[in-house]
């Protein structure tokens, strides 16, 4: 089942119509191949939305078809939106990237005094604060949910010292959202609407369920084969980290803001050109440069395809996955929103084909196991690595290694299965890959040590320390 947006307006060419028709058919084919219930795609090229496509079901139980106007959860792509508003406040002199957060949040209390006094906005934007990022505690539906959440961080044990490494941190962006509220006096959901949705002319973008449900909305699907998730969305306090819902068309309007150096299509400046450039400038290298990118900027992750610069972000909520990539030198941006199945494989096929056909660019290949034997001493890696939401136990079995992955803490209440076991396949010493059930892509497991000698695993973009 497919649907395309109206392609008869004055800006549409025959080529655009043909490209939308092509991708409507192609997306349906690839989504079926990867067991994705519903998907929506948009392509922005040379300043124009050159294609929109949608396929499948937004809700399999209700039989609701996906259209190009269906709202999906864009998940952690929301972090770049939050960062954009923060950087606009930096432009206005209301916020400083490297000033301690306590200068604007004097009541802030984190796990220890060094972290409390030292953490900055830059640490939050680059995921280097050390705050354990997966504290998914519901602090209610009230406008004070970010304030209440921030208070909980006093009892959250850091998973690495401040600035010592990079570990993906949802909690840090909820904290950043609270900073924005205090600096502006405007609650985060309203602030995003005032600062981004309205000036960008977005009519199908929202965060609160009562706003999203004014439109056709997707629900996530879990498992194999995908079945409707028992819960539509995360708690409200996760908003700045991942609760925006939108369409590819409107996500690409946001991407175009950054491609046009901070100015909207109507000529409204939201962010300075210097702020745009800073967001796309590497701030920290990733211990795992194999899965999404080699470094992190401010909000964006940064990658290279075929020698060309790429910035983007992914998002994952309860059974929904989102993908955004921008190739600035090719004036190309692509957004794919999905609601279950092997979404990573769908993303790779769709984006690789678009980048090749429209820009002549070859996507960076995914990581795979070594084709030749790798000399590995299992004793070098066996152990238990643990943080708030995850316990990784590396054990030796039949001369090889196995990873037992257990989800713990509040996050465990949001998933159906909390324990998985994966065979670890070596790529080189210190680098392995695992494959999750029902997925075709390989996921890296990187063993490394901090400057103080403490041992870590980097997996799922997160740093997990060896348990003492």
Protein backbone atom coordinates (compact mmCIF):
# COMPACT_ATOMS: atom_id res chain seq x y z
CA UNK A 1 0.00 0.00 0.00
CA UNK A 2 1.56 3.26 -1.06
CA UNK A 3 0.82 6.93 -1.22
CA UNK A 4 2.60 9.99 -2.54
CA UNK A 5 2.03 13.63 -1.79
CA UNK A 6 0.36 15.87 -4.37
CA UNK A 7 2.95 16.57 -7.07
CA UNK A 8 1.02 19.11 -9.10
CA UNK A 9 2.19 22.38 -7.51
CA UNK A 10 4.10 24.93 -9.56
CA UNK A 11 7.50 23.93 -8.20
CA UNK A 12 7.16 20.30 -9.29
CA UNK A 13 8.79 19.15 -12.49
CA UNK A 14 8.24 16.01 -14.47
CA UNK A 15 11.56 14.76 -13.17
CA UNK A 16 10.37 15.19 -9.57
CA UNK A 17 7.14 13.36 -10.35
CA UNK A 18 9.10 10.53 -11.96
CA UNK A 19 11.51 10.34 -9.01
CA UNK A 20 8.65 10.18 -6.51
CA UNK A 21 6.99 7.44 -8.54
CA UNK A 22 10.26 5.52 -8.73
CA UNK A 23 10.82 5.73 -4.99
CA UNK A 24 7.23 4.87 -4.16
CA UNK A 25 7.71 1.56 -5.96
CA UNK A 26 11.28 1.04 -4.81
CA UNK A 27 10.52 1.80 -1.16
CA UNK A 28 7.65 -0.70 -1.21
CA UNK A 29 9.96 -3.37 -2.61
CA UNK A 30 12.76 -2.76 -0.11
CA UNK A 31 10.46 -2.37 2.90
CA UNK A 32 8.90 -5.74 2.13
CA UNK A 33 12.37 -7.28 1.76
CA UNK A 34 13.36 -6.07 5.23
CA UNK A 35 10.02 -6.70 6.97
CA UNK A 36 9.40 -3.01 7.66
CA UNK A 37 5.64 -2.45 8.23
CA UNK A 38 5.61 1.19 7.17
CA UNK A 39 8.09 3.76 5.88
CA UNK A 40 8.17 7.31 4.58
CA UNK A 41 10.99 8.89 2.57
CA UNK A 42 11.98 12.36 1.46
CA UNK A 43 14.86 13.56 -0.75
CA UNK A 44 16.08 17.17 -0.81
CA UNK A 45 18.45 18.01 -3.67
CA UNK A 46 19.77 21.40 -4.72
CA UNK A 47 17.28 23.19 -2.52
CA UNK A 48 14.21 21.34 -3.78
CA UNK A 49 12.18 18.46 -2.39
CA UNK A 50 12.69 16.21 -5.42
CA UNK A 51 10.93 13.09 -4.14
CA UNK A 52 8.50 11.87 -1.50
CA UNK A 53 7.37 8.30 -1.04
CA UNK A 54 5.52 6.20 1.49
CA UNK A 55 4.63 2.55 1.80
CA UNK A 56 2.96 0.01 4.04
CA UNK A 57 1.02 0.47 7.25
CA UNK A 58 1.46 3.09 9.95
CA UNK A 59 -0.47 0.80 12.28
CA UNK A 60 -0.82 -2.86 11.35
CA UNK A 61 -3.59 -3.70 13.83
CA UNK A 62 -5.76 -0.78 12.79
CA UNK A 63 -4.89 -1.15 9.10
CA UNK A 64 -3.90 2.51 8.77
CA UNK A 65 -1.91 3.17 5.61
CA UNK A 66 1.29 5.16 5.64
CA UNK A 67 1.22 8.39 3.62
CA UNK A 68 3.79 11.12 3.17
CA UNK A 69 1.79 13.15 5.73
CA UNK A 70 1.99 10.45 8.41
CA UNK A 71 3.82 11.56 11.54
CA UNK A 72 6.57 9.23 12.75
CA UNK A 73 8.69 9.60 15.87
CA UNK A 74 12.05 10.99 14.73
CA UNK A 75 13.63 9.91 18.02
CA UNK A 76 17.11 11.20 18.68
CA UNK A 77 17.18 13.37 15.58
CA UNK A 78 15.38 15.62 18.08
CA UNK A 79 18.75 16.19 19.75
CA UNK A 80 19.93 18.23 16.77
CA UNK A 81 16.79 20.38 17.02
CA UNK A 82 17.46 20.98 20.72
CA UNK A 83 21.09 21.78 19.91
CA UNK A 84 20.01 24.24 17.21
CA UNK A 85 17.90 26.23 19.67
CA UNK A 86 20.75 26.13 22.20
CA UNK A 87 23.19 27.45 19.60
CA UNK A 88 20.76 30.26 18.72
CA UNK A 89 20.84 31.24 22.41
CA UNK A 90 24.64 31.18 22.22
CA UNK A 91 24.36 33.62 19.30
CA UNK A 92 22.22 35.86 21.48
CA UNK A 93 24.69 35.78 24.35
CA UNK A 94 22.22 34.03 26.66
CA UNK A 95 24.25 30.82 26.83
CA UNK A 96 27.94 29.93 26.77
CA UNK A 97 29.22 26.62 25.43
CA UNK A 98 32.08 26.33 27.92
CA UNK A 99 30.63 27.94 31.03
CA UNK A 100 29.75 25.52 33.85
CA UNK A 101 26.07 24.61 33.85
CA UNK A 102 25.86 25.69 37.48
CA UNK A 103 26.26 29.27 36.25
CA UNK A 104 22.69 29.04 34.92
CA UNK A 105 21.48 26.09 37.04
CA UNK A 106 22.88 26.83 40.51
CA UNK A 107 20.66 24.14 42.02
CA UNK A 108 22.25 21.42 39.83
CA UNK A 109 23.62 18.46 41.76
CA UNK A 110 25.31 15.55 40.01
CA UNK A 111 27.03 12.46 41.36
CA UNK A 112 30.17 14.25 42.55
CA UNK A 113 31.40 17.79 43.00
CA UNK A 114 33.89 17.66 40.12
CA UNK A 115 31.18 16.73 37.66
CA UNK A 116 28.69 19.20 39.13
CA UNK A 117 31.10 22.13 38.91
CA UNK A 118 32.77 21.16 35.64
CA UNK A 119 30.11 19.98 33.20
CA UNK A 120 29.29 22.41 30.37
CA UNK A 121 26.84 22.74 27.49
CA UNK A 122 29.58 21.52 25.14
CA UNK A 123 29.94 18.32 27.18
CA UNK A 124 26.21 17.69 26.82
CA UNK A 125 26.14 18.35 23.06
CA UNK A 126 29.12 16.04 22.43
CA UNK A 127 28.09 13.22 24.80
CA UNK A 128 31.30 13.58 26.85
CA UNK A 129 29.82 14.53 30.25
CA UNK A 130 30.06 11.03 31.73
CA UNK A 131 26.47 11.23 32.97
CA UNK A 132 24.90 7.81 32.46
CA UNK A 133 22.63 8.51 29.54
CA UNK A 134 19.92 5.88 29.85
CA UNK A 135 17.97 6.95 32.92
CA UNK A 136 14.43 6.50 31.60
CA UNK A 137 12.45 7.54 34.66
CA UNK A 138 8.98 8.96 34.17
CA UNK A 139 8.67 12.29 35.97
CA UNK A 140 5.11 12.92 34.91
CA UNK A 141 3.20 14.85 32.26
CA UNK A 142 3.48 18.26 33.88
CA UNK A 143 5.41 21.24 32.55
CA UNK A 144 7.88 20.66 35.39
CA UNK A 145 8.93 17.20 34.12
CA UNK A 146 12.42 18.34 33.03
CA UNK A 147 13.01 20.07 36.34
CA UNK A 148 12.00 16.92 38.22
CA UNK A 149 14.18 14.75 35.97
CA UNK A 150 17.22 16.98 36.48
CA UNK A 151 16.90 16.47 40.25
CA UNK A 152 17.21 12.69 39.77
CA UNK A 153 20.69 13.02 38.24
CA UNK A 154 22.21 13.60 41.68
CA UNK A 155 21.86 9.87 42.33
CA UNK A 156 23.00 8.66 38.89
CA UNK A 157 26.51 7.16 38.92
CA UNK A 158 28.69 8.41 36.03
CA UNK A 159 29.93 5.82 33.57
CA UNK A 160 33.17 7.67 32.81
CA UNK A 161 35.08 10.72 34.10
CA UNK A 162 34.16 14.13 32.70
CA UNK A 163 35.53 14.51 29.17
CA UNK A 164 37.45 11.21 29.26
CA UNK A 165 35.60 9.53 26.40
CA UNK A 166 32.36 9.68 24.44
CA UNK A 167 29.23 7.82 25.52
CA UNK A 168 25.83 8.50 23.99
CA UNK A 169 23.81 10.36 26.60
CA UNK A 170 20.05 10.82 26.45
CA UNK A 171 20.02 12.20 29.99
CA UNK A 172 22.42 14.95 28.97
CA UNK A 173 19.95 16.26 26.41
CA UNK A 174 17.08 16.25 28.88
CA UNK A 175 19.41 18.29 31.10
CA UNK A 176 20.18 20.58 28.16
CA UNK A 177 16.44 21.04 27.63
CA UNK A 178 16.12 22.12 31.25
CA UNK A 179 18.96 24.62 30.75
CA UNK A 180 17.07 26.12 27.80
CA UNK A 181 13.92 26.43 29.91
CA UNK A 182 15.76 28.30 32.66
CA UNK A 183 17.61 30.61 30.27
CA UNK A 184 14.49 31.56 28.26
CA UNK A 185 11.71 31.11 30.82
CA UNK A 186 9.82 29.05 28.23
CA UNK A 187 8.90 25.38 28.66
CA UNK A 188 10.78 23.14 26.19
CA UNK A 189 7.84 21.98 24.02
CA UNK A 190 6.65 25.57 23.56
CA UNK A 191 10.20 26.80 23.02
CA UNK A 192 10.73 24.39 20.11
CA UNK A 193 7.47 25.51 18.55
CA UNK A 194 8.34 29.19 18.90
CA UNK A 195 11.97 28.91 17.84
CA UNK A 196 11.76 26.26 15.11
CA UNK A 197 8.35 24.94 14.07
CA UNK A 198 6.72 28.33 13.45
CA UNK A 199 9.60 30.14 11.68
CA UNK A 200 10.27 27.04 9.54
CA UNK A 201 6.59 26.84 8.58
CA UNK A 202 6.18 23.32 9.98
CA UNK A 203 2.55 22.23 10.21
CA UNK A 204 3.06 18.49 10.84
CA UNK A 205 5.65 18.56 13.62
CA UNK A 206 4.86 18.19 17.33
CA UNK A 207 5.95 16.50 20.54
CA UNK A 208 2.89 16.02 22.76
CA UNK A 209 0.57 13.10 21.95
CA UNK A 210 -2.51 15.34 21.94
CA UNK A 211 -0.90 17.41 19.19
CA UNK A 212 0.45 14.45 17.23
CA UNK A 213 -2.91 12.67 17.23
CA UNK A 214 -4.51 15.53 15.30
CA UNK A 215 -2.83 13.85 12.33
CA UNK A 216 -2.29 10.35 10.96
CA UNK A 217 0.38 8.91 13.27
CA UNK A 218 2.55 5.80 13.13
CA UNK A 219 2.99 3.38 15.99
CA UNK A 220 6.09 1.25 16.49
CA UNK A 221 6.33 -2.48 15.87
CA UNK A 222 8.63 -4.92 17.65
CA UNK A 223 9.89 -8.46 17.16
CA UNK A 224 10.08 -10.83 14.22
CA UNK A 225 7.71 -10.71 12.46
CA UNK A 226 7.00 -7.15 13.61
CA UNK A 227 3.97 -6.81 15.90
CA UNK A 228 2.46 -3.62 17.26
CA UNK A 229 4.37 -2.27 20.27
CA UNK A 230 2.44 -2.23 23.55
CA UNK A 231 3.31 1.44 24.15
CA UNK A 232 3.22 4.37 21.71
CA UNK A 233 5.86 6.67 23.16
CA UNK A 234 8.36 7.49 25.86
CA UNK A 235 7.82 9.66 28.93
CA UNK A 236 7.55 13.42 28.44
CA UNK A 237 10.89 14.12 30.14
CA UNK A 238 12.64 12.45 27.19
CA UNK A 239 11.42 15.27 24.93
CA UNK A 240 14.69 17.17 24.29
CA UNK A 241 16.45 13.86 23.65
CA UNK A 242 13.92 12.22 21.37
CA UNK A 243 10.19 12.98 21.35
CA UNK A 244 9.67 15.11 18.23
CA UNK A 245 7.26 13.61 15.70
CA UNK A 246 7.32 14.77 12.09
CA UNK A 247 7.33 13.84 8.41
CA UNK A 248 10.35 13.49 6.10
CA UNK A 249 9.24 16.65 4.29
CA UNK A 250 9.42 18.72 7.47
CA UNK A 251 12.59 17.08 8.79
CA UNK A 252 14.18 18.08 5.49
CA UNK A 253 13.02 21.67 5.99
CA UNK A 254 15.00 21.58 9.22
CA UNK A 255 17.98 20.06 7.39
CA UNK A 256 17.74 22.78 4.76
CA UNK A 257 18.05 25.40 7.50
CA UNK A 258 21.53 24.03 8.20
CA UNK A 259 22.35 23.68 4.50
CA UNK A 260 21.39 27.35 4.01
CA UNK A 261 23.68 28.57 6.82
CA UNK A 262 20.94 29.16 9.41
CA UNK A 263 18.37 31.00 7.27
CA UNK A 264 14.86 29.71 6.53
CA UNK A 265 13.29 29.58 3.07
CA UNK A 266 11.48 32.83 3.95
CA UNK A 267 14.72 34.59 4.84
CA UNK A 268 14.38 34.38 8.64
CA UNK A 269 17.73 33.89 10.36
CA UNK A 270 17.40 31.34 13.16
CA UNK A 271 21.07 30.53 13.65
CA UNK A 272 24.29 32.29 12.70
CA UNK A 273 26.46 30.88 9.91
CA UNK A 274 29.19 30.50 12.53
CA UNK A 275 26.85 28.45 14.71
CA UNK A 276 25.94 26.21 11.78
CA UNK A 277 29.63 25.64 11.01
CA UNK A 278 30.45 24.91 14.66
CA UNK A 279 27.78 22.22 14.80
CA UNK A 280 29.44 20.50 11.81
CA UNK A 281 32.97 20.74 13.22
CA UNK A 282 34.47 17.68 14.90
CA UNK A 283 34.64 17.99 18.68
CA UNK A 284 35.46 14.43 19.74
CA UNK A 285 36.54 11.27 17.92
CA UNK A 286 34.42 8.16 18.46
CA UNK A 287 35.98 5.07 20.05
CA UNK A 288 33.74 3.16 17.62
CA UNK A 289 34.10 4.89 14.23
CA UNK A 290 32.60 1.94 12.36
CA UNK A 291 28.84 2.24 12.68
CA UNK A 292 27.57 5.82 12.25
CA UNK A 293 30.55 8.16 11.91
CA UNK A 294 34.10 8.95 12.87
CA UNK A 295 33.44 11.92 15.17
CA UNK A 296 30.82 14.07 16.84
CA UNK A 297 30.23 17.75 16.28
CA UNK A 298 27.72 19.79 18.30
CA UNK A 299 24.53 17.75 18.01
CA UNK A 300 25.41 16.18 14.64
CA UNK A 301 27.55 13.10 14.14
CA UNK A 302 30.09 13.41 11.34
CA UNK A 303 31.08 10.86 8.72
CA UNK A 304 32.82 10.58 5.35
CA UNK A 305 31.44 8.77 2.32
CA UNK A 306 33.71 8.37 -0.67
CA UNK A 307 35.81 11.31 0.52
CA UNK A 308 32.74 13.57 0.89
CA UNK A 309 31.60 15.11 4.17
CA UNK A 310 28.41 13.78 5.74
CA UNK A 311 26.58 14.87 8.85
CA UNK A 312 23.43 13.40 10.26
CA UNK A 313 21.63 11.69 13.11
CA UNK A 314 19.57 8.58 13.71
CA UNK A 315 16.66 8.04 16.05
CA UNK A 316 15.15 5.03 17.78
CA UNK A 317 12.12 4.91 20.06
CA UNK A 318 9.74 2.07 20.91
CA UNK A 319 9.65 0.23 17.59
CA UNK A 320 10.31 3.30 15.43
CA UNK A 321 13.57 4.23 13.70
CA UNK A 322 14.57 7.42 11.88
CA UNK A 323 17.51 8.29 9.64
CA UNK A 324 18.78 11.66 8.41
CA UNK A 325 21.91 12.27 6.33
CA UNK A 326 23.16 15.49 4.77
CA UNK A 327 25.89 15.63 2.12
CA UNK A 328 26.57 19.38 2.09
CA UNK A 329 29.02 19.40 -0.82
CA UNK A 330 26.45 17.61 -2.99
CA UNK A 331 23.54 19.75 -1.69
CA UNK A 332 21.72 16.51 -0.84
CA UNK A 333 19.73 15.49 2.23
CA UNK A 334 17.76 12.28 2.77
CA UNK A 335 15.28 11.39 5.51
CA UNK A 336 13.73 7.96 6.13
CA UNK A 337 11.18 7.29 8.90
CA UNK A 338 10.12 3.73 9.76
CA UNK A 339 8.11 1.75 12.30
CA UNK A 340 9.70 -1.68 12.76
CA UNK A 341 11.58 -4.52 11.09
CA UNK A 342 15.18 -4.51 9.90
CA UNK A 343 15.30 -0.76 9.55
CA UNK A 344 19.11 -0.52 9.48
CA UNK A 345 19.29 -2.69 6.37
CA UNK A 346 16.51 -0.71 4.72
CA UNK A 347 18.37 2.51 5.50
CA UNK A 348 21.60 1.24 3.98
CA UNK A 349 19.99 0.13 0.72
CA UNK A 350 17.87 3.26 0.28
CA UNK A 351 20.55 5.81 1.15
CA UNK A 352 23.28 4.04 -0.81
CA UNK A 353 21.14 4.04 -3.94
CA UNK A 354 20.11 7.69 -3.60
CA UNK A 355 23.65 8.91 -2.87
CA UNK A 356 24.96 6.97 -5.86
CA UNK A 357 22.26 8.04 -8.30
CA UNK A 358 21.93 11.72 -7.36
CA UNK A 359 25.46 12.56 -6.20
CA UNK A 360 27.75 9.86 -7.57
CA UNK A 361 28.82 9.07 -4.00
CA UNK A 362 29.43 5.59 -2.61
CA UNK A 363 28.21 5.08 0.94
CA UNK A 364 30.82 3.90 3.42
CA UNK A 365 30.50 0.11 3.70
CA UNK A 366 29.34 -1.50 6.91
CA UNK A 367 31.73 -3.43 9.13
CA UNK A 368 31.95 -7.22 8.78
CA UNK A 369 33.91 -10.08 10.39
CA UNK A 370 37.44 -10.70 9.19
CA UNK A 371 37.70 -13.10 6.28
CA UNK A 372 40.99 -14.54 7.57
CA UNK A 373 41.69 -15.96 11.05
CA UNK A 374 42.52 -13.36 13.71
CA UNK A 375 44.84 -14.23 16.58
CA UNK A 376 42.74 -13.51 19.67
CA UNK A 377 43.37 -14.55 23.27
CA UNK A 378 39.89 -14.74 24.85
CA UNK A 379 41.41 -14.11 28.28
CA UNK A 380 42.19 -10.54 27.20
CA UNK A 381 38.48 -9.71 26.93
CA UNK A 382 36.58 -11.93 29.39
CA UNK A 383 34.87 -9.93 32.11
CA UNK A 384 31.78 -8.01 33.18
CA UNK A 385 31.15 -4.47 31.97
CA UNK A 386 28.32 -2.52 33.52
CA UNK A 387 26.48 0.82 33.58
CA UNK A 388 23.00 1.94 34.60
CA UNK A 389 20.97 0.24 31.87
CA UNK A 390 23.31 -2.47 30.65
CA UNK A 391 25.29 -5.44 31.92
CA UNK A 392 27.62 -6.94 29.32
CA UNK A 393 29.23 -10.23 30.28
CA UNK A 394 31.97 -11.48 27.96
CA UNK A 395 32.55 -15.21 28.34
CA UNK A 396 34.73 -17.77 26.59
CA UNK A 397 33.01 -20.66 24.83
CA UNK A 398 34.60 -23.28 22.57
CA UNK A 399 37.67 -21.14 22.05
CA UNK A 400 35.66 -18.09 21.03
CA UNK A 401 33.84 -15.27 22.78
CA UNK A 402 30.18 -14.73 23.56
CA UNK A 403 28.54 -11.52 24.76
CA UNK A 404 25.63 -11.81 27.16
CA UNK A 405 23.74 -8.53 26.99
CA UNK A 406 21.25 -7.77 29.76
CA UNK A 407 19.16 -4.59 29.84
CA UNK A 408 18.76 -3.33 33.40
CA UNK A 409 17.34 -0.36 35.31
CA UNK A 410 14.33 1.70 34.17
CA UNK A 411 15.04 0.89 30.51
CA UNK A 412 14.21 -2.78 31.16
CA UNK A 413 10.58 -1.83 31.78
CA UNK A 414 10.25 -0.49 28.23
CA UNK A 415 11.32 -3.62 26.29
CA UNK A 416 9.87 -7.09 25.89
CA UNK A 417 13.15 -9.03 26.06
CA UNK A 418 15.84 -7.97 28.50
CA UNK A 419 18.49 -10.64 27.80
CA UNK A 420 20.30 -11.56 24.58
CA UNK A 421 23.36 -13.61 23.77
CA UNK A 422 25.59 -13.02 20.74
CA UNK A 423 28.55 -14.82 19.27
CA UNK A 424 31.44 -12.39 18.86
CA UNK A 425 33.30 -12.49 15.56
CA UNK A 426 36.77 -10.92 15.45
CA UNK A 427 37.68 -8.20 12.97
CA UNK A 428 41.07 -7.41 14.49
CA UNK A 429 42.49 -7.53 18.03
CA UNK A 430 40.24 -5.42 20.25
CA UNK A 431 37.48 -5.20 17.64
CA UNK A 432 34.62 -7.68 17.23
CA UNK A 433 31.19 -7.67 15.61
CA UNK A 434 27.88 -9.21 16.63
CA UNK A 435 24.67 -9.74 14.70
CA UNK A 436 21.30 -9.30 16.37
CA UNK A 437 18.41 -11.70 15.66
CA UNK A 438 16.44 -10.81 12.56
CA UNK A 439 18.95 -8.18 11.39
CA UNK A 440 21.47 -8.39 8.56
CA UNK A 441 23.87 -5.68 9.73
CA UNK A 442 26.86 -6.33 11.98
CA UNK A 443 27.37 -4.18 15.09
CA UNK A 444 30.85 -3.38 16.45
CA UNK A 445 32.14 -4.19 19.93
CA UNK A 446 35.27 -2.16 20.67
CA UNK A 447 37.54 -2.87 23.65
CA UNK A 448 39.67 0.07 24.77
CA UNK A 449 41.16 1.75 27.82
CA UNK A 450 41.07 5.31 29.12
CA UNK A 451 44.22 7.25 29.98
CA UNK A 452 43.99 6.01 33.56
CA UNK A 453 44.05 2.38 32.36
CA UNK A 454 40.40 1.58 33.13
CA UNK A 455 38.93 -0.87 30.62
CA UNK A 456 35.82 -0.15 28.57
CA UNK A 457 33.62 -1.60 25.87
CA UNK A 458 32.15 0.76 23.28
CA UNK A 459 28.99 -0.77 21.85
CA UNK A 460 25.80 0.87 20.68
CA UNK A 461 27.67 4.22 20.77
CA UNK A 462 27.92 3.86 24.55
CA UNK A 463 30.93 3.43 26.82
CA UNK A 464 30.50 0.69 29.40
CA UNK A 465 33.20 0.33 32.09
CA UNK A 466 34.53 -2.94 33.40
CA UNK A 467 32.87 -3.72 36.71
CA UNK A 468 35.21 -3.39 39.68
